[in-house]
Amino acid sequence: MNPRQIELALQKQRLQFAAARQRAAFVAGLERIDSVLDVVDRVRDQARGLRDHVPLLSVLAFAIVLIRPRQALRVARRAWFGWMIYRRLGRSLEPLVGFLRRFAA
């Protein structure tokens, strides 16, 4: 082999090692994001499970309003604020979350 081919082979090998290091660093960063997305998925699944118990939750909410109206109003305000934040931020983050799920899989 001539020296030019040897130099190109060495450069190729260096680039492959650099790419492997970058890939490992990127995967390590995605593992942190993946753990956060796992928590979000669990919360979403539990919220879907609550839909099966709507009558029970409605009775419970009505009882709380009758027993502690001031606390119920405070919780309702916080829930409304959280819902508004979710509607504004949640929809704008959906494309990013979908991309990260496809990329991590």
N, C-alpha and C. Protein backbone atom coordinates (compact mmCIF):
# COMPACT_ATOMS: atom_id res chain seq x y z
N MET A 1 0.85 -1.19 0.00
CA MET A 1 0.00 0.00 0.00
C MET A 1 0.88 1.24 0.00
N ASN A 2 0.42 2.22 -0.71
CA ASN A 2 1.20 3.45 -0.72
C ASN A 2 0.85 4.29 0.51
N PRO A 3 1.69 5.25 0.87
CA PRO A 3 1.48 6.05 2.08
C PRO A 3 0.16 6.82 2.07
N ARG A 4 -0.31 7.24 0.93
CA ARG A 4 -1.59 7.97 0.84
C ARG A 4 -2.76 7.09 1.27
N GLN A 5 -2.77 5.84 0.85
CA GLN A 5 -3.83 4.91 1.23
C GLN A 5 -3.77 4.60 2.72
N ILE A 6 -2.56 4.47 3.25
CA ILE A 6 -2.41 4.22 4.69
C ILE A 6 -2.94 5.40 5.49
N GLU A 7 -2.60 6.61 5.06
CA GLU A 7 -3.08 7.82 5.75
C GLU A 7 -4.60 7.90 5.69
N LEU A 8 -5.19 7.59 4.54
CA LEU A 8 -6.65 7.61 4.41
C LEU A 8 -7.30 6.55 5.30
N ALA A 9 -6.69 5.38 5.39
CA ALA A 9 -7.23 4.33 6.24
C ALA A 9 -7.17 4.74 7.71
N LEU A 10 -6.06 5.37 8.11
CA LEU A 10 -5.94 5.84 9.50
C LEU A 10 -6.95 6.96 9.79
N GLN A 11 -7.14 7.85 8.85
CA GLN A 11 -8.11 8.93 9.03
C GLN A 11 -9.53 8.36 9.13
N LYS A 12 -9.82 7.36 8.32
CA LYS A 12 -11.13 6.72 8.37
C LYS A 12 -11.35 6.08 9.74
N GLN A 13 -10.31 5.41 10.25
CA GLN A 13 -10.42 4.76 11.55
C GLN A 13 -10.62 5.79 12.66
N ARG A 14 -9.89 6.91 12.60
CA ARG A 14 -10.07 7.97 13.60
C ARG A 14 -11.48 8.52 13.56
N LEU A 15 -12.02 8.72 12.36
CA LEU A 15 -13.39 9.22 12.23
C LEU A 15 -14.41 8.21 12.78
N GLN A 16 -14.16 6.93 12.56
CA GLN A 16 -15.06 5.91 13.08
C GLN A 16 -15.06 5.90 14.61
N PHE A 17 -13.86 6.04 15.20
CA PHE A 17 -13.78 6.10 16.66
C PHE A 17 -14.48 7.35 17.21
N ALA A 18 -14.28 8.48 16.55
CA ALA A 18 -14.94 9.72 16.97
C ALA A 18 -16.45 9.58 16.87
N ALA A 19 -16.93 8.96 15.80
CA ALA A 19 -18.37 8.77 15.64
C ALA A 19 -18.92 7.85 16.72
N ALA A 20 -18.16 6.83 17.08
CA ALA A 20 -18.60 5.91 18.14
C ALA A 20 -18.69 6.64 19.48
N ARG A 21 -17.71 7.50 19.77
CA ARG A 21 -17.76 8.28 21.02
C ARG A 21 -18.96 9.22 21.03
N GLN A 22 -19.20 9.90 19.91
CA GLN A 22 -20.35 10.81 19.82
C GLN A 22 -21.66 10.05 19.98
N ARG A 23 -21.75 8.88 19.36
CA ARG A 23 -22.96 8.07 19.48
C ARG A 23 -23.21 7.67 20.93
N ALA A 24 -22.15 7.27 21.63
CA ALA A 24 -22.29 6.87 23.03
C ALA A 24 -22.73 8.05 23.89
N ALA A 25 -22.17 9.22 23.65
CA ALA A 25 -22.56 10.41 24.41
C ALA A 25 -24.01 10.78 24.13
N PHE A 26 -24.42 10.66 22.89
CA PHE A 26 -25.79 10.99 22.52
C PHE A 26 -26.79 10.02 23.15
N VAL A 27 -26.45 8.74 23.15
CA VAL A 27 -27.33 7.74 23.77
C VAL A 27 -27.42 7.97 25.27
N ALA A 28 -26.33 8.35 25.90
CA ALA A 28 -26.36 8.64 27.34
C ALA A 28 -27.28 9.81 27.63
N GLY A 29 -27.26 10.82 26.78
CA GLY A 29 -28.18 11.94 26.95
C GLY A 29 -29.63 11.53 26.75
N LEU A 30 -29.87 10.65 25.80
CA LEU A 30 -31.23 10.18 25.55
C LEU A 30 -31.76 9.31 26.67
N GLU A 31 -30.88 8.62 27.39
CA GLU A 31 -31.34 7.79 28.50
C GLU A 31 -31.98 8.65 29.58
N ARG A 32 -31.45 9.84 29.82
CA ARG A 32 -32.07 10.74 30.80
C ARG A 32 -33.44 11.17 30.32
N ILE A 33 -33.54 11.51 29.05
CA ILE A 33 -34.83 11.92 28.50
C ILE A 33 -35.80 10.75 28.52
N ASP A 34 -35.31 9.55 28.25
CA ASP A 34 -36.17 8.37 28.23
C ASP A 34 -36.79 8.12 29.59
N SER A 35 -36.02 8.32 30.67
CA SER A 35 -36.58 8.10 32.00
C SER A 35 -37.68 9.11 32.30
N VAL A 36 -37.52 10.34 31.86
CA VAL A 36 -38.57 11.35 32.05
C VAL A 36 -39.80 10.98 31.23
N LEU A 37 -39.60 10.52 30.01
CA LEU A 37 -40.73 10.13 29.17
C LEU A 37 -41.45 8.91 29.74
N ASP A 38 -40.72 8.01 30.40
CA ASP A 38 -41.36 6.87 31.05
C ASP A 38 -42.30 7.33 32.15
N VAL A 39 -41.88 8.30 32.93
CA VAL A 39 -42.74 8.84 34.00
C VAL A 39 -43.98 9.48 33.38
N VAL A 40 -43.79 10.25 32.32
CA VAL A 40 -44.93 10.90 31.66
C VAL A 40 -45.89 9.84 31.12
N ASP A 41 -45.36 8.77 30.54
CA ASP A 41 -46.21 7.70 30.02
C ASP A 41 -47.01 7.02 31.13
N ARG A 42 -46.36 6.79 32.27
CA ARG A 42 -47.07 6.16 33.39
C ARG A 42 -48.20 7.06 33.89
N VAL A 43 -47.93 8.36 34.01
CA VAL A 43 -48.96 9.30 34.47
C VAL A 43 -50.11 9.32 33.47
N ARG A 44 -49.80 9.34 32.18
CA ARG A 44 -50.84 9.36 31.16
C ARG A 44 -51.68 8.08 31.21
N ASP A 45 -51.03 6.94 31.40
CA ASP A 45 -51.77 5.68 31.49
C ASP A 45 -52.68 5.65 32.72
N GLN A 46 -52.19 6.19 33.84
CA GLN A 46 -53.03 6.24 35.03
C GLN A 46 -54.21 7.19 34.84
N ALA A 47 -53.98 8.30 34.14
CA ALA A 47 -55.08 9.22 33.86
C ALA A 47 -56.12 8.55 32.97
N ARG A 48 -55.68 7.74 32.01
CA ARG A 48 -56.63 7.00 31.18
C ARG A 48 -57.39 5.98 32.02
N GLY A 49 -56.73 5.39 33.00
CA GLY A 49 -57.40 4.44 33.88
C GLY A 49 -58.48 5.11 34.72
N LEU A 50 -58.31 6.38 35.03
CA LEU A 50 -59.32 7.10 35.80
C LEU A 50 -60.62 7.26 35.01
N ARG A 51 -60.53 7.24 33.70
CA ARG A 51 -61.74 7.37 32.87
C ARG A 51 -62.70 6.21 33.11
N ASP A 52 -62.19 5.09 33.55
CA ASP A 52 -63.06 3.94 33.84
C ASP A 52 -63.87 4.15 35.11
N HIS A 53 -63.44 5.08 35.95
CA HIS A 53 -64.08 5.29 37.25
C HIS A 53 -64.69 6.69 37.37
N VAL A 54 -65.22 7.21 36.30
CA VAL A 54 -65.76 8.57 36.30
C VAL A 54 -66.91 8.73 37.30
N PRO A 55 -67.88 7.81 37.39
CA PRO A 55 -68.96 8.01 38.37
C PRO A 55 -68.44 8.08 39.81
N LEU A 56 -67.52 7.19 40.15
CA LEU A 56 -66.96 7.20 41.50
C LEU A 56 -66.22 8.50 41.78
N LEU A 57 -65.44 8.97 40.83
CA LEU A 57 -64.70 10.22 41.01
C LEU A 57 -65.64 11.41 41.11
N SER A 58 -66.74 11.38 40.37
CA SER A 58 -67.71 12.47 40.44
C SER A 58 -68.36 12.53 41.81
N VAL A 59 -68.73 11.39 42.36
CA VAL A 59 -69.32 11.35 43.70
C VAL A 59 -68.31 11.84 44.73
N LEU A 60 -67.07 11.43 44.58
CA LEU A 60 -66.02 11.87 45.51
C LEU A 60 -65.81 13.38 45.43
N ALA A 61 -65.78 13.92 44.23
CA ALA A 61 -65.61 15.36 44.07
C ALA A 61 -66.79 16.12 44.65
N PHE A 62 -67.99 15.64 44.45
CA PHE A 62 -69.18 16.29 45.00
C PHE A 62 -69.15 16.28 46.52
N ALA A 63 -68.72 15.16 47.10
CA ALA A 63 -68.62 15.07 48.56
C ALA A 63 -67.58 16.05 49.10
N ILE A 64 -66.48 16.18 48.41
CA ILE A 64 -65.44 17.13 48.87
C ILE A 64 -65.96 18.56 48.79
N VAL A 65 -66.71 18.88 47.74
CA VAL A 65 -67.27 20.24 47.62
C VAL A 65 -68.25 20.51 48.75
N LEU A 66 -69.03 19.51 49.13
CA LEU A 66 -69.98 19.70 50.24
C LEU A 66 -69.27 19.82 51.59
N ILE A 67 -68.23 19.04 51.79
CA ILE A 67 -67.55 19.01 53.08
C ILE A 67 -66.58 20.19 53.24
N ARG A 68 -65.79 20.47 52.22
CA ARG A 68 -64.78 21.54 52.29
C ARG A 68 -64.85 22.42 51.04
N PRO A 69 -65.79 23.34 50.99
CA PRO A 69 -65.95 24.15 49.77
C PRO A 69 -64.74 25.06 49.48
N ARG A 70 -64.13 25.64 50.49
CA ARG A 70 -63.01 26.54 50.27
C ARG A 70 -61.80 25.78 49.69
N GLN A 71 -61.51 24.63 50.25
CA GLN A 71 -60.41 23.82 49.74
C GLN A 71 -60.72 23.33 48.33
N ALA A 72 -61.97 22.99 48.07
CA ALA A 72 -62.36 22.53 46.74
C ALA A 72 -62.16 23.65 45.72
N LEU A 73 -62.49 24.89 46.09
CA LEU A 73 -62.29 26.01 45.18
C LEU A 73 -60.81 26.23 44.91
N ARG A 74 -59.99 26.10 45.93
CA ARG A 74 -58.54 26.27 45.77
C ARG A 74 -57.98 25.19 44.82
N VAL A 75 -58.41 23.96 45.01
CA VAL A 75 -57.95 22.88 44.14
C VAL A 75 -58.46 23.09 42.71
N ALA A 76 -59.69 23.56 42.58
CA ALA A 76 -60.25 23.80 41.25
C ALA A 76 -59.46 24.89 40.52
N ARG A 77 -59.08 25.94 41.24
CA ARG A 77 -58.26 26.99 40.62
C ARG A 77 -56.92 26.43 40.14
N ARG A 78 -56.27 25.64 40.98
CA ARG A 78 -54.99 25.06 40.60
C ARG A 78 -55.14 24.10 39.41
N ALA A 79 -56.21 23.33 39.42
CA ALA A 79 -56.45 22.41 38.32
C ALA A 79 -56.69 23.18 37.02
N TRP A 80 -57.45 24.26 37.11
CA TRP A 80 -57.70 25.08 35.92
C TRP A 80 -56.40 25.67 35.37
N PHE A 81 -55.57 26.19 36.27
CA PHE A 81 -54.29 26.76 35.87
C PHE A 81 -53.40 25.69 35.23
N GLY A 82 -53.37 24.50 35.83
CA GLY A 82 -52.58 23.42 35.27
C GLY A 82 -53.10 22.99 33.90
N TRP A 83 -54.41 22.97 33.76
CA TRP A 83 -55.01 22.60 32.48
C TRP A 83 -54.64 23.61 31.39
N MET A 84 -54.66 24.87 31.73
CA MET A 84 -54.32 25.90 30.75
C MET A 84 -52.84 25.80 30.36
N ILE A 85 -51.98 25.53 31.31
CA ILE A 85 -50.56 25.35 30.99
C ILE A 85 -50.37 24.13 30.10
N TYR A 86 -51.06 23.04 30.43
CA TYR A 86 -50.95 21.83 29.62
C TYR A 86 -51.41 22.10 28.19
N ARG A 87 -52.51 22.80 28.04
CA ARG A 87 -53.03 23.06 26.69
C ARG A 87 -52.08 23.92 25.89
N ARG A 88 -51.44 24.89 26.54
CA ARG A 88 -50.53 25.77 25.81
C ARG A 88 -49.18 25.11 25.53
N LEU A 89 -48.60 24.48 26.55
CA LEU A 89 -47.27 23.90 26.39
C LEU A 89 -47.33 22.48 25.85
N GLY A 90 -48.33 21.72 26.25
CA GLY A 90 -48.41 20.32 25.86
C GLY A 90 -48.48 20.13 24.36
N ARG A 91 -49.27 20.92 23.70
CA ARG A 91 -49.41 20.77 22.25
C ARG A 91 -48.16 21.23 21.52
N SER A 92 -47.49 22.21 22.05
CA SER A 92 -46.29 22.69 21.36
C SER A 92 -45.12 21.72 21.54
N LEU A 93 -45.17 20.87 22.56
CA LEU A 93 -44.09 19.91 22.80
C LEU A 93 -44.35 18.54 22.18
N GLU A 94 -45.57 18.29 21.69
CA GLU A 94 -45.89 16.97 21.13
C GLU A 94 -44.98 16.56 19.97
N PRO A 95 -44.66 17.44 19.02
CA PRO A 95 -43.76 17.02 17.94
C PRO A 95 -42.38 16.61 18.46
N LEU A 96 -41.87 17.32 19.45
CA LEU A 96 -40.57 16.99 20.02
C LEU A 96 -40.61 15.64 20.72
N VAL A 97 -41.66 15.40 21.50
CA VAL A 97 -41.78 14.13 22.22
C VAL A 97 -41.91 12.98 21.23
N GLY A 98 -42.71 13.16 20.17
CA GLY A 98 -42.85 12.12 19.16
C GLY A 98 -41.54 11.83 18.45
N PHE A 99 -40.79 12.87 18.14
CA PHE A 99 -39.49 12.68 17.50
C PHE A 99 -38.54 11.91 18.41
N LEU A 100 -38.49 12.27 19.69
CA LEU A 100 -37.58 11.60 20.61
C LEU A 100 -37.97 10.14 20.80
N ARG A 101 -39.25 9.84 20.81
CA ARG A 101 -39.68 8.45 20.94
C ARG A 101 -39.26 7.63 19.74
N ARG A 102 -39.46 8.18 18.54
CA ARG A 102 -39.07 7.46 17.33
C ARG A 102 -37.57 7.27 17.28
N PHE A 103 -36.82 8.28 17.70
CA PHE A 103 -35.37 8.23 17.63
C PHE A 103 -34.80 7.25 18.67
N ALA A 104 -35.42 7.21 19.86
CA ALA A 104 -34.91 6.35 20.92
C ALA A 104 -35.27 4.88 20.68
N ALA A 105 -36.30 4.64 19.91
CA ALA A 105 -36.74 3.24 19.70
C ALA A 105 -35.87 2.50 18.73
